[in-house]
Amino acid sequence: MADAPKAESLEVFDNPNPARDFEIRIEAPEFTCVCPKTGHPDFANMVLTYVPDKHCVELKAYKLYIHAWRDVGIFHEAVTNCIAEDLIARLQPKYLKLVGAFHAHGGITTTVTVEHKPG
C-alpha cells in the first residue's frame, strides 16, 4: 500500500482579504482510501470548512492531495484526523472543520468530524 501524502504538497496562497473573516467550504465527493483490515476501497464525501488567517489552500493542490490517499490503508478516524492535521499545519486557520462522511459498508455508515478552534 502507498504512503500517506505529505502536508507540504498542500500549496497555499495569501489570503486576498485578511481584514475580514470569511468561510471557505470545499467538497471532495470522490475521496477514496483503503480499509487496512479488508483491503477494500472506502469511499467518502470530505467536506472542508475553514476561516483563513494568512493563507488559503490552492484547489488543484488540494485535489491532488486528496486523490493521493487512494491507495493508502488507513481507518476512517485516522485519515480524517491526518488530513485535518495537515491542513491545520499548512494553513494555520482561524477555524477549521473537516467532515468525512464514509459510504455504507454492510449497512453501516461512518461520519468523522474534526474541529479546530485555536485558543
PDB file of N, CA and C in Angstrom:
ATOM      1  N   MET A   1       0.832  -1.186   0.000  1.00  0.00           N
ATOM      2  CA  MET A   1       0.000   0.000   0.000  1.00  0.00           C
ATOM      3  C   MET A   1       0.871   1.243   0.000  1.00  0.00           C
ATOM      4  N   ALA A   2       0.303   2.303  -0.472  1.00  0.00           N
ATOM      5  CA  ALA A   2       1.020   3.572  -0.601  1.00  0.00           C
ATOM      6  C   ALA A   2       1.182   4.268   0.751  1.00  0.00           C
ATOM      7  N   ASP A   3       2.150   5.182   0.781  1.00  0.00           N
ATOM      8  CA  ASP A   3       2.344   6.024   1.958  1.00  0.00           C
ATOM      9  C   ASP A   3       1.384   7.200   1.903  1.00  0.00           C
ATOM     10  N   ALA A   4       1.101   7.753   3.062  1.00  0.00           N
ATOM     11  CA  ALA A   4       0.233   8.934   3.144  1.00  0.00           C
ATOM     12  C   ALA A   4       0.895  10.108   2.437  1.00  0.00           C
ATOM     13  N   PRO A   5       0.100  10.949   1.784  1.00  0.00           N
ATOM     14  CA  PRO A   5       0.681  12.134   1.151  1.00  0.00           C
ATOM     15  C   PRO A   5       1.255  13.091   2.190  1.00  0.00           C
ATOM     16  N   LYS A   6       2.189  13.904   1.765  1.00  0.00           N
ATOM     17  CA  LYS A   6       2.868  14.846   2.656  1.00  0.00           C
ATOM     18  C   LYS A   6       2.108  16.169   2.723  1.00  0.00           C
ATOM     19  N   ALA A   7       2.086  16.762   3.898  1.00  0.00           N
ATOM     20  CA  ALA A   7       1.419  18.052   4.096  1.00  0.00           C
ATOM     21  C   ALA A   7       2.006  19.120   3.174  1.00  0.00           C
ATOM     22  N   GLU A   8       3.293  19.020   2.872  1.00  0.00           N
ATOM     23  CA  GLU A   8       3.954  20.023   2.037  1.00  0.00           C
ATOM     24  C   GLU A   8       3.353  20.105   0.635  1.00  0.00           C
ATOM     25  N   SER A   9       2.665  19.051   0.197  1.00  0.00           N
ATOM     26  CA  SER A   9       2.056  19.076  -1.131  1.00  0.00           C
ATOM     27  C   SER A   9       0.821  19.977  -1.174  1.00  0.00           C
ATOM     28  N   LEU A  10       0.348  20.405  -0.011  1.00  0.00           N
ATOM     29  CA  LEU A  10      -0.785  21.324   0.062  1.00  0.00           C
ATOM     30  C   LEU A  10      -0.283  22.753  -0.145  1.00  0.00           C
ATOM     31  N   GLU A  11      -0.316  23.195  -1.382  1.00  0.00           N
ATOM     32  CA  GLU A  11       0.127  24.559  -1.676  1.00  0.00           C
ATOM     33  C   GLU A  11      -0.875  25.560  -1.124  1.00  0.00           C
ATOM     34  N   VAL A  12      -0.355  26.699  -0.703  1.00  0.00           N
ATOM     35  CA  VAL A  12      -1.209  27.764  -0.172  1.00  0.00           C
ATOM     36  C   VAL A  12      -0.909  29.062  -0.917  1.00  0.00           C
ATOM     37  N   PHE A  13      -1.836  30.001  -0.794  1.00  0.00           N
ATOM     38  CA  PHE A  13      -1.621  31.340  -1.334  1.00  0.00           C
ATOM     39  C   PHE A  13      -2.099  32.346  -0.293  1.00  0.00           C
ATOM     40  N   ASP A  14      -1.660  33.585  -0.434  1.00  0.00           N
ATOM     41  CA  ASP A  14      -2.010  34.617   0.532  1.00  0.00           C
ATOM     42  C   ASP A  14      -3.511  34.900   0.513  1.00  0.00           C
ATOM     43  N   ASN A  15      -4.070  35.037   1.699  1.00  0.00           N
ATOM     44  CA  ASN A  15      -5.473  35.400   1.854  1.00  0.00           C
ATOM     45  C   ASN A  15      -5.689  36.755   1.172  1.00  0.00           C
ATOM     46  N   PRO A  16      -6.614  36.834   0.207  1.00  0.00           N
ATOM     47  CA  PRO A  16      -6.813  38.096  -0.506  1.00  0.00           C
ATOM     48  C   PRO A  16      -7.514  39.179   0.323  1.00  0.00           C
ATOM     49  N   ASN A  17      -8.108  38.798   1.459  1.00  0.00           N
ATOM     50  CA  ASN A  17      -8.796  39.782   2.289  1.00  0.00           C
ATOM     51  C   ASN A  17      -8.637  39.425   3.771  1.00  0.00           C
ATOM     52  N   PRO A  18      -7.413  39.544   4.298  1.00  0.00           N
ATOM     53  CA  PRO A  18      -7.169  39.143   5.693  1.00  0.00           C
ATOM     54  C   PRO A  18      -7.869  40.031   6.725  1.00  0.00           C
ATOM     55  N   ALA A  19      -8.345  41.194   6.327  1.00  0.00           N
ATOM     56  CA  ALA A  19      -9.025  42.089   7.269  1.00  0.00           C
ATOM     57  C   ALA A  19     -10.448  41.629   7.591  1.00  0.00           C
ATOM     58  N   ARG A  20     -10.993  40.728   6.799  1.00  0.00           N
ATOM     59  CA  ARG A  20     -12.364  40.259   7.000  1.00  0.00           C
ATOM     60  C   ARG A  20     -12.371  38.744   7.191  1.00  0.00           C
ATOM     61  N   ASP A  21     -13.110  38.287   8.180  1.00  0.00           N
ATOM     62  CA  ASP A  21     -13.323  36.843   8.333  1.00  0.00           C
ATOM     63  C   ASP A  21     -14.352  36.383   7.314  1.00  0.00           C
ATOM     64  N   PHE A  22     -14.034  35.310   6.605  1.00  0.00           N
ATOM     65  CA  PHE A  22     -14.972  34.689   5.683  1.00  0.00           C
ATOM     66  C   PHE A  22     -14.737  33.188   5.694  1.00  0.00           C
ATOM     67  N   GLU A  23     -15.767  32.459   5.342  1.00  0.00           N
ATOM     68  CA  GLU A  23     -15.727  30.998   5.397  1.00  0.00           C
ATOM     69  C   GLU A  23     -15.556  30.428   3.993  1.00  0.00           C
ATOM     70  N   ILE A  24     -14.700  29.427   3.903  1.00  0.00           N
ATOM     71  CA  ILE A  24     -14.484  28.704   2.653  1.00  0.00           C
ATOM     72  C   ILE A  24     -14.947  27.269   2.872  1.00  0.00           C
ATOM     73  N   ARG A  25     -15.735  26.746   1.928  1.00  0.00           N
ATOM     74  CA  ARG A  25     -16.228  25.366   2.022  1.00  0.00           C
ATOM     75  C   ARG A  25     -15.838  24.646   0.739  1.00  0.00           C
ATOM     76  N   ILE A  26     -15.159  23.506   0.903  1.00  0.00           N
ATOM     77  CA  ILE A  26     -14.693  22.714  -0.237  1.00  0.00           C
ATOM     78  C   ILE A  26     -15.180  21.284  -0.049  1.00  0.00           C
ATOM     79  N   GLU A  27     -15.852  20.745  -1.056  1.00  0.00           N
ATOM     80  CA  GLU A  27     -16.314  19.357  -1.012  1.00  0.00           C
ATOM     81  C   GLU A  27     -15.480  18.495  -1.938  1.00  0.00           C
ATOM     82  N   ALA A  28     -15.113  17.329  -1.441  1.00  0.00           N
ATOM     83  CA  ALA A  28     -14.411  16.323  -2.241  1.00  0.00           C
ATOM     84  C   ALA A  28     -15.265  15.048  -2.188  1.00  0.00           C
ATOM     85  N   PRO A  29     -16.265  14.938  -3.081  1.00  0.00           N
ATOM     86  CA  PRO A  29     -17.222  13.833  -3.002  1.00  0.00           C
ATOM     87  C   PRO A  29     -16.690  12.481  -3.478  1.00  0.00           C
ATOM     88  N   GLU A  30     -15.482  12.466  -4.017  1.00  0.00           N
ATOM     89  CA  GLU A  30     -14.936  11.212  -4.548  1.00  0.00           C
ATOM     90  C   GLU A  30     -13.699  10.756  -3.778  1.00  0.00           C
ATOM     91  N   PHE A  31     -13.634  11.082  -2.490  1.00  0.00           N
ATOM     92  CA  PHE A  31     -12.490  10.661  -1.673  1.00  0.00           C
ATOM     93  C   PHE A  31     -12.472   9.135  -1.569  1.00  0.00           C
ATOM     94  N   THR A  32     -11.277   8.571  -1.658  1.00  0.00           N
ATOM     95  CA  THR A  32     -11.095   7.123  -1.529  1.00  0.00           C
ATOM     96  C   THR A  32      -9.816   6.830  -0.759  1.00  0.00           C
ATOM     97  N   CYS A  33      -9.911   5.859   0.144  1.00  0.00           N
ATOM     98  CA  CYS A  33      -8.737   5.266   0.783  1.00  0.00           C
ATOM     99  C   CYS A  33      -9.009   3.759   0.833  1.00  0.00           C
ATOM    100  N   VAL A  34      -8.160   3.017   1.519  1.00  0.00           N
ATOM    101  CA  VAL A  34      -8.296   1.556   1.558  1.00  0.00           C
ATOM    102  C   VAL A  34      -8.461   1.105   3.004  1.00  0.00           C
ATOM    103  N   CYS A  35      -9.407   0.213   3.243  1.00  0.00           N
ATOM    104  CA  CYS A  35      -9.583  -0.361   4.577  1.00  0.00           C
ATOM    105  C   CYS A  35      -8.366  -1.226   4.902  1.00  0.00           C
ATOM    106  N   PRO A  36      -7.673  -0.948   6.006  1.00  0.00           N
ATOM    107  CA  PRO A  36      -6.487  -1.736   6.337  1.00  0.00           C
ATOM    108  C   PRO A  36      -6.810  -3.163   6.778  1.00  0.00           C
ATOM    109  N   LYS A  37      -8.054  -3.437   7.140  1.00  0.00           N
ATOM    110  CA  LYS A  37      -8.451  -4.793   7.555  1.00  0.00           C
ATOM    111  C   LYS A  37      -8.815  -5.668   6.364  1.00  0.00           C
ATOM    112  N   THR A  38      -9.594  -5.106   5.426  1.00  0.00           N
ATOM    113  CA  THR A  38     -10.120  -5.915   4.320  1.00  0.00           C
ATOM    114  C   THR A  38      -9.404  -5.686   2.995  1.00  0.00           C
ATOM    115  N   GLY A  39      -8.744  -4.534   2.864  1.00  0.00           N
ATOM    116  CA  GLY A  39      -8.118  -4.182   1.596  1.00  0.00           C
ATOM    117  C   GLY A  39      -9.104  -3.629   0.582  1.00  0.00           C
ATOM    118  N   HIS A  40     -10.361  -3.491   0.970  1.00  0.00           N
ATOM    119  CA  HIS A  40     -11.382  -2.945   0.077  1.00  0.00           C
ATOM    120  C   HIS A  40     -11.341  -1.418   0.099  1.00  0.00           C
ATOM    121  N   PRO A  41     -11.769  -0.782  -0.997  1.00  0.00           N
ATOM    122  CA  PRO A  41     -11.787   0.682  -1.002  1.00  0.00           C
ATOM    123  C   PRO A  41     -12.890   1.233  -0.102  1.00  0.00           C
ATOM    124  N   ASP A  42     -12.588   2.345   0.529  1.00  0.00           N
ATOM    125  CA  ASP A  42     -13.565   3.099   1.318  1.00  0.00           C
ATOM    126  C   ASP A  42     -13.791   4.422   0.605  1.00  0.00           C
ATOM    127  N   PHE A  43     -15.048   4.764   0.413  1.00  0.00           N
ATOM    128  CA  PHE A  43     -15.412   5.991  -0.288  1.00  0.00           C
ATOM    129  C   PHE A  43     -16.045   6.962   0.694  1.00  0.00           C
ATOM    130  N   ALA A  44     -15.774   8.248   0.479  1.00  0.00           N
ATOM    131  CA  ALA A  44     -16.339   9.257   1.380  1.00  0.00           C
ATOM    132  C   ALA A  44     -16.533  10.577   0.655  1.00  0.00           C
ATOM    133  N   ASN A  45     -17.386  11.380   1.255  1.00  0.00           N
ATOM    134  CA  ASN A  45     -17.500  12.786   0.878  1.00  0.00           C
ATOM    135  C   ASN A  45     -16.773  13.561   1.974  1.00  0.00           C
ATOM    136  N   MET A  46     -15.679  14.220   1.617  1.00  0.00           N
ATOM    137  CA  MET A  46     -14.919  15.026   2.563  1.00  0.00           C
ATOM    138  C   MET A  46     -15.342  16.480   2.388  1.00  0.00           C
ATOM    139  N   VAL A  47     -15.832  17.066   3.467  1.00  0.00           N
ATOM    140  CA  VAL A  47     -16.262  18.466   3.422  1.00  0.00           C
ATOM    141  C   VAL A  47     -15.371  19.273   4.356  1.00  0.00           C
ATOM    142  N   LEU A  48     -14.609  20.174   3.760  1.00  0.00           N
ATOM    143  CA  LEU A  48     -13.709  21.050   4.489  1.00  0.00           C
ATOM    144  C   LEU A  48     -14.349  22.430   4.591  1.00  0.00           C
ATOM    145  N   THR A  49     -14.416  22.951   5.799  1.00  0.00           N
ATOM    146  CA  THR A  49     -14.886  24.311   6.033  1.00  0.00           C
ATOM    147  C   THR A  49     -13.840  25.003   6.893  1.00  0.00           C
ATOM    148  N   TYR A  50     -13.386  26.175   6.446  1.00  0.00           N
ATOM    149  CA  TYR A  50     -12.405  26.890   7.268  1.00  0.00           C
ATOM    150  C   TYR A  50     -12.520  28.398   7.099  1.00  0.00           C
ATOM    151  N   VAL A  51     -12.017  29.102   8.095  1.00  0.00           N
ATOM    152  CA  VAL A  51     -11.890  30.549   8.062  1.00  0.00           C
ATOM    153  C   VAL A  51     -10.392  30.818   7.984  1.00  0.00           C
ATOM    154  N   PRO A  52      -9.926  31.353   6.873  1.00  0.00           N
ATOM    155  CA  PRO A  52      -8.479  31.542   6.723  1.00  0.00           C
ATOM    156  C   PRO A  52      -7.949  32.676   7.586  1.00  0.00           C
ATOM    157  N   ASP A  53      -6.672  32.562   7.915  1.00  0.00           N
ATOM    158  CA  ASP A  53      -5.972  33.671   8.558  1.00  0.00           C
ATOM    159  C   ASP A  53      -5.111  34.319   7.482  1.00  0.00           C
ATOM    160  N   LYS A  54      -3.875  33.872   7.349  1.00  0.00           N
ATOM    161  CA  LYS A  54      -2.974  34.464   6.360  1.00  0.00           C
ATOM    162  C   LYS A  54      -2.981  33.728   5.028  1.00  0.00           C
ATOM    163  N   HIS A  55      -3.428  32.445   5.044  1.00  0.00           N
ATOM    164  CA  HIS A  55      -3.330  31.635   3.826  1.00  0.00           C
ATOM    165  C   HIS A  55      -4.624  30.894   3.507  1.00  0.00           C
ATOM    166  N   CYS A  56      -4.779  30.612   2.206  1.00  0.00           N
ATOM    167  CA  CYS A  56      -5.868  29.767   1.695  1.00  0.00           C
ATOM    168  C   CYS A  56      -5.218  28.589   0.974  1.00  0.00           C
ATOM    169  N   VAL A  57      -5.923  27.465   0.918  1.00  0.00           N
ATOM    170  CA  VAL A  57      -5.386  26.302   0.216  1.00  0.00           C
ATOM    171  C   VAL A  57      -5.699  26.438  -1.284  1.00  0.00           C
ATOM    172  N   GLU A  58      -4.714  26.105  -2.091  1.00  0.00           N
ATOM    173  CA  GLU A  58      -4.871  26.148  -3.545  1.00  0.00           C
ATOM    174  C   GLU A  58      -5.656  24.907  -3.956  1.00  0.00           C
ATOM    175  N   LEU A  59      -6.722  25.079  -4.740  1.00  0.00           N
ATOM    176  CA  LEU A  59      -7.662  23.989  -5.009  1.00  0.00           C
ATOM    177  C   LEU A  59      -7.073  22.815  -5.784  1.00  0.00           C
ATOM    178  N   LYS A  60      -6.258  23.065  -6.797  1.00  0.00           N
ATOM    179  CA  LYS A  60      -5.688  21.942  -7.550  1.00  0.00           C
ATOM    180  C   LYS A  60      -4.757  21.120  -6.654  1.00  0.00           C
ATOM    181  N   ALA A  61      -3.967  21.791  -5.836  1.00  0.00           N
ATOM    182  CA  ALA A  61      -3.071  21.090  -4.918  1.00  0.00           C
ATOM    183  C   ALA A  61      -3.878  20.273  -3.912  1.00  0.00           C
ATOM    184  N   TYR A  62      -4.997  20.850  -3.431  1.00  0.00           N
ATOM    185  CA  TYR A  62      -5.866  20.121  -2.502  1.00  0.00           C
ATOM    186  C   TYR A  62      -6.453  18.891  -3.174  1.00  0.00           C
ATOM    187  N   LYS A  63      -6.903  19.046  -4.410  1.00  0.00           N
ATOM    188  CA  LYS A  63      -7.468  17.911  -5.157  1.00  0.00           C
ATOM    189  C   LYS A  63      -6.427  16.792  -5.313  1.00  0.00           C
ATOM    190  N   LEU A  64      -5.219  17.141  -5.693  1.00  0.00           N
ATOM    191  CA  LEU A  64      -4.165  16.135  -5.865  1.00  0.00           C
ATOM    192  C   LEU A  64      -3.811  15.479  -4.533  1.00  0.00           C
ATOM    193  N   TYR A  65      -3.773  16.264  -3.477  1.00  0.00           N
ATOM    194  CA  TYR A  65      -3.506  15.725  -2.137  1.00  0.00           C
ATOM    195  C   TYR A  65      -4.600  14.732  -1.740  1.00  0.00           C
ATOM    196  N   ILE A  66      -5.860  15.110  -1.925  1.00  0.00           N
ATOM    197  CA  ILE A  66      -6.991  14.238  -1.584  1.00  0.00           C
ATOM    198  C   ILE A  66      -6.934  12.939  -2.391  1.00  0.00           C
ATOM    199  N   HIS A  67      -6.649  13.054  -3.687  1.00  0.00           N
ATOM    200  CA  HIS A  67      -6.587  11.851  -4.530  1.00  0.00           C
ATOM    201  C   HIS A  67      -5.388  10.953  -4.193  1.00  0.00           C
ATOM    202  N   ALA A  68      -4.370  11.515  -3.574  1.00  0.00           N
ATOM    203  CA  ALA A  68      -3.179  10.733  -3.212  1.00  0.00           C
ATOM    204  C   ALA A  68      -3.451   9.740  -2.083  1.00  0.00           C
ATOM    205  N   TRP A  69      -4.597   9.849  -1.411  1.00  0.00           N
ATOM    206  CA  TRP A  69      -4.964   8.889  -0.360  1.00  0.00           C
ATOM    207  C   TRP A  69      -5.530   7.592  -0.940  1.00  0.00           C
ATOM    208  N   ARG A  70      -5.777   7.550  -2.227  1.00  0.00           N
ATOM    209  CA  ARG A  70      -6.478   6.454  -2.891  1.00  0.00           C
ATOM    210  C   ARG A  70      -5.959   5.055  -2.539  1.00  0.00           C
ATOM    211  N   ASP A  71      -4.653   4.888  -2.427  1.00  0.00           N
ATOM    212  CA  ASP A  71      -4.075   3.562  -2.174  1.00  0.00           C
ATOM    213  C   ASP A  71      -3.498   3.411  -0.767  1.00  0.00           C
ATOM    214  N   VAL A  72      -3.880   4.314   0.125  1.00  0.00           N
ATOM    215  CA  VAL A  72      -3.357   4.278   1.496  1.00  0.00           C
ATOM    216  C   VAL A  72      -4.296   3.460   2.379  1.00  0.00           C
ATOM    217  N   GLY A  73      -3.745   2.487   3.080  1.00  0.00           N
ATOM    218  CA  GLY A  73      -4.518   1.679   4.018  1.00  0.00           C
ATOM    219  C   GLY A  73      -4.618   2.403   5.348  1.00  0.00           C
ATOM    220  N   ILE A  74      -5.832   2.854   5.699  1.00  0.00           N
ATOM    221  CA  ILE A  74      -5.990   3.674   6.900  1.00  0.00           C
ATOM    222  C   ILE A  74      -7.455   3.670   7.325  1.00  0.00           C
ATOM    223  N   PHE A  75      -7.689   3.695   8.623  1.00  0.00           N
ATOM    224  CA  PHE A  75      -9.052   3.727   9.140  1.00  0.00           C
ATOM    225  C   PHE A  75      -9.679   5.111   8.943  1.00  0.00           C
ATOM    226  N   HIS A  76     -11.006   5.155   8.903  1.00  0.00           N
ATOM    227  CA  HIS A  76     -11.755   6.398   8.693  1.00  0.00           C
ATOM    228  C   HIS A  76     -11.352   7.481   9.691  1.00  0.00           C
ATOM    229  N   GLU A  77     -11.282   7.089  10.956  1.00  0.00           N
ATOM    230  CA  GLU A  77     -10.967   8.043  12.016  1.00  0.00           C
ATOM    231  C   GLU A  77      -9.565   8.624  11.833  1.00  0.00           C
ATOM    232  N   ALA A  78      -8.634   7.770  11.462  1.00  0.00           N
ATOM    233  CA  ALA A  78      -7.238   8.199  11.306  1.00  0.00           C
ATOM    234  C   ALA A  78      -7.060   9.105  10.095  1.00  0.00           C
ATOM    235  N   VAL A  79      -7.654   8.752   8.969  1.00  0.00           N
ATOM    236  CA  VAL A  79      -7.449   9.555   7.757  1.00  0.00           C
ATOM    237  C   VAL A  79      -8.075  10.931   7.896  1.00  0.00           C
ATOM    238  N   THR A  80      -9.240  11.006   8.512  1.00  0.00           N
ATOM    239  CA  THR A  80      -9.881  12.309   8.688  1.00  0.00           C
ATOM    240  C   THR A  80      -9.026  13.199   9.585  1.00  0.00           C
ATOM    241  N   ASN A  81      -8.491  12.637  10.654  1.00  0.00           N
ATOM    242  CA  ASN A  81      -7.611  13.401  11.534  1.00  0.00           C
ATOM    243  C   ASN A  81      -6.300  13.775  10.858  1.00  0.00           C
ATOM    244  N   CYS A  82      -5.725  12.887  10.075  1.00  0.00           N
ATOM    245  CA  CYS A  82      -4.467  13.186   9.362  1.00  0.00           C
ATOM    246  C   CYS A  82      -4.642  14.346   8.386  1.00  0.00           C
ATOM    247  N   ILE A  83      -5.726  14.298   7.623  1.00  0.00           N
ATOM    248  CA  ILE A  83      -5.983  15.369   6.658  1.00  0.00           C
ATOM    249  C   ILE A  83      -6.177  16.694   7.391  1.00  0.00           C
ATOM    250  N   ALA A  84      -6.968  16.679   8.461  1.00  0.00           N
ATOM    251  CA  ALA A  84      -7.191  17.899   9.241  1.00  0.00           C
ATOM    252  C   ALA A  84      -5.875  18.434   9.798  1.00  0.00           C
ATOM    253  N   GLU A  85      -5.038  17.565  10.344  1.00  0.00           N
ATOM    254  CA  GLU A  85      -3.752  17.995  10.904  1.00  0.00           C
ATOM    255  C   GLU A  85      -2.858  18.618   9.844  1.00  0.00           C
ATOM    256  N   ASP A  86      -2.825  18.009   8.645  1.00  0.00           N
ATOM    257  CA  ASP A  86      -2.015  18.566   7.554  1.00  0.00           C
ATOM    258  C   ASP A  86      -2.525  19.944   7.145  1.00  0.00           C
ATOM    259  N   LEU A  87      -3.846  20.094   7.048  1.00  0.00           N
ATOM    260  CA  LEU A  87      -4.423  21.384   6.678  1.00  0.00           C
ATOM    261  C   LEU A  87      -4.150  22.440   7.750  1.00  0.00           C
ATOM    262  N   ILE A  88      -4.287  22.063   9.000  1.00  0.00           N
ATOM    263  CA  ILE A  88      -4.027  22.994  10.103  1.00  0.00           C
ATOM    264  C   ILE A  88      -2.566  23.440  10.087  1.00  0.00           C
ATOM    265  N   ALA A  89      -1.657  22.496   9.857  1.00  0.00           N
ATOM    266  CA  ALA A  89      -0.226  22.816   9.821  1.00  0.00           C
ATOM    267  C   ALA A  89       0.099  23.786   8.686  1.00  0.00           C
ATOM    268  N   ARG A  90      -0.505  23.587   7.535  1.00  0.00           N
ATOM    269  CA  ARG A  90      -0.204  24.434   6.366  1.00  0.00           C
ATOM    270  C   ARG A  90      -0.924  25.774   6.390  1.00  0.00           C
ATOM    271  N   LEU A  91      -2.166  25.774   6.852  1.00  0.00           N
ATOM    272  CA  LEU A  91      -2.989  26.989   6.779  1.00  0.00           C
ATOM    273  C   LEU A  91      -2.949  27.841   8.044  1.00  0.00           C
ATOM    274  N   GLN A  92      -2.802  27.188   9.189  1.00  0.00           N
ATOM    275  CA  GLN A  92      -2.937  27.863  10.475  1.00  0.00           C
ATOM    276  C   GLN A  92      -4.195  28.742  10.473  1.00  0.00           C
ATOM    277  N   PRO A  93      -5.346  28.106  10.233  1.00  0.00           N
ATOM    278  CA  PRO A  93      -6.592  28.863  10.066  1.00  0.00           C
ATOM    279  C   PRO A  93      -7.138  29.386  11.396  1.00  0.00           C
ATOM    280  N   LYS A  94      -8.056  30.330  11.281  1.00  0.00           N
ATOM    281  CA  LYS A  94      -8.763  30.831  12.458  1.00  0.00           C
ATOM    282  C   LYS A  94      -9.761  29.788  12.952  1.00  0.00           C
ATOM    283  N   TYR A  95     -10.231  28.967  12.033  1.00  0.00           N
ATOM    284  CA  TYR A  95     -11.191  27.898  12.345  1.00  0.00           C
ATOM    285  C   TYR A  95     -11.114  26.881  11.219  1.00  0.00           C
ATOM    286  N   LEU A  96     -11.265  25.603  11.565  1.00  0.00           N
ATOM    287  CA  LEU A  96     -11.293  24.552  10.554  1.00  0.00           C
ATOM    288  C   LEU A  96     -12.181  23.415  11.031  1.00  0.00           C
ATOM    289  N   LYS A  97     -12.975  22.902  10.115  1.00  0.00           N
ATOM    290  CA  LYS A  97     -13.806  21.720  10.375  1.00  0.00           C
ATOM    291  C   LYS A  97     -13.713  20.824   9.149  1.00  0.00           C
ATOM    292  N   LEU A  98     -13.427  19.557   9.391  1.00  0.00           N
ATOM    293  CA  LEU A  98     -13.390  18.569   8.317  1.00  0.00           C
ATOM    294  C   LEU A  98     -14.336  17.438   8.684  1.00  0.00           C
ATOM    295  N   VAL A  99     -15.273  17.158   7.780  1.00  0.00           N
ATOM    296  CA  VAL A  99     -16.240  16.086   7.981  1.00  0.00           C
ATOM    297  C   VAL A  99     -15.994  15.023   6.911  1.00  0.00           C
ATOM    298  N   GLY A 100     -15.713  13.812   7.357  1.00  0.00           N
ATOM    299  CA  GLY A 100     -15.574  12.673   6.462  1.00  0.00           C
ATOM    300  C   GLY A 100     -16.824  11.814   6.586  1.00  0.00           C
ATOM    301  N   ALA A 101     -17.678  11.853   5.571  1.00  0.00           N
ATOM    302  CA  ALA A 101     -18.916  11.057   5.560  1.00  0.00           C
ATOM    303  C   ALA A 101     -18.664   9.839   4.676  1.00  0.00           C
ATOM    304  N   PHE A 102     -18.367   8.718   5.311  1.00  0.00           N
ATOM    305  CA  PHE A 102     -17.993   7.499   4.594  1.00  0.00           C
ATOM    306  C   PHE A 102     -19.226   6.712   4.201  1.00  0.00           C
ATOM    307  N   HIS A 103     -19.200   6.166   2.989  1.00  0.00           N
ATOM    308  CA  HIS A 103     -20.326   5.431   2.435  1.00  0.00           C
ATOM    309  C   HIS A 103     -20.550   4.119   3.177  1.00  0.00           C
ATOM    310  N   ALA A 104     -21.727   3.588   3.006  1.00  0.00           N
ATOM    311  CA  ALA A 104     -22.131   2.380   3.735  1.00  0.00           C
ATOM    312  C   ALA A 104     -21.322   1.160   3.314  1.00  0.00           C
ATOM    313  N   HIS A 105     -20.968   0.365   4.315  1.00  0.00           N
ATOM    314  CA  HIS A 105     -20.390  -0.973   4.146  1.00  0.00           C
ATOM    315  C   HIS A 105     -21.207  -1.892   5.032  1.00  0.00           C
ATOM    316  N   GLY A 106     -21.876  -2.848   4.449  1.00  0.00           N
ATOM    317  CA  GLY A 106     -22.683  -3.773   5.236  1.00  0.00           C
ATOM    318  C   GLY A 106     -23.789  -3.075   6.008  1.00  0.00           C
ATOM    319  N   GLY A 107     -24.308  -1.983   5.433  1.00  0.00           N
ATOM    320  CA  GLY A 107     -25.405  -1.273   6.069  1.00  0.00           C
ATOM    321  C   GLY A 107     -24.991  -0.282   7.144  1.00  0.00           C
ATOM    322  N   ILE A 108     -23.677  -0.050   7.304  1.00  0.00           N
ATOM    323  CA  ILE A 108     -23.175   0.863   8.335  1.00  0.00           C
ATOM    324  C   ILE A 108     -22.454   2.026   7.661  1.00  0.00           C
ATOM    325  N   THR A 109     -22.789   3.251   8.077  1.00  0.00           N
ATOM    326  CA  THR A 109     -22.052   4.423   7.615  1.00  0.00           C
ATOM    327  C   THR A 109     -21.257   4.995   8.786  1.00  0.00           C
ATOM    328  N   THR A 110     -20.197   5.707   8.445  1.00  0.00           N
ATOM    329  CA  THR A 110     -19.380   6.366   9.457  1.00  0.00           C
ATOM    330  C   THR A 110     -19.214   7.825   9.063  1.00  0.00           C
ATOM    331  N   THR A 111     -19.404   8.709  10.024  1.00  0.00           N
ATOM    332  CA  THR A 111     -19.104  10.125   9.817  1.00  0.00           C
ATOM    333  C   THR A 111     -18.139  10.552  10.904  1.00  0.00           C
ATOM    334  N   VAL A 112     -17.001  11.063  10.473  1.00  0.00           N
ATOM    335  CA  VAL A 112     -15.971  11.528  11.401  1.00  0.00           C
ATOM    336  C   VAL A 112     -15.852  13.034  11.239  1.00  0.00           C
ATOM    337  N   THR A 113     -15.965  13.756  12.333  1.00  0.00           N
ATOM    338  CA  THR A 113     -15.864  15.218  12.303  1.00  0.00           C
ATOM    339  C   THR A 113     -14.706  15.667  13.170  1.00  0.00           C
ATOM    340  N   VAL A 114     -13.810  16.455  12.562  1.00  0.00           N
ATOM    341  CA  VAL A 114     -12.674  17.031  13.274  1.00  0.00           C
ATOM    342  C   VAL A 114     -12.858  18.538  13.242  1.00  0.00           C
ATOM    343  N   GLU A 115     -12.760  19.164  14.413  1.00  0.00           N
ATOM    344  CA  GLU A 115     -12.938  20.605  14.503  1.00  0.00           C
ATOM    345  C   GLU A 115     -11.733  21.225  15.208  1.00  0.00           C
ATOM    346  N   HIS A 116     -11.260  22.335  14.658  1.00  0.00           N
ATOM    347  CA  HIS A 116     -10.098  23.040  15.204  1.00  0.00           C
ATOM    348  C   HIS A 116     -10.486  24.481  15.477  1.00  0.00           C
ATOM    349  N   LYS A 117     -10.383  24.877  16.751  1.00  0.00           N
ATOM    350  CA  LYS A 117     -10.658  26.255  17.183  1.00  0.00           C
ATOM    351  C   LYS A 117      -9.465  26.715  18.004  1.00  0.00           C
ATOM    352  N   PRO A 118      -8.502  27.400  17.371  1.00  0.00           N
ATOM    353  CA  PRO A 118      -7.339  27.827  18.141  1.00  0.00           C
ATOM    354  C   PRO A 118      -7.731  28.756  19.288  1.00  0.00           C
ATOM    355  N   GLY A 119      -6.941  28.687  20.368  1.00  0.00           N
ATOM    356  CA  GLY A 119      -7.203  29.469  21.579  1.00  0.00           C
ATOM    357  C   GLY A 119      -7.051  30.893  21.369  1.00  0.00           C
TER     358      GLY A 119
END
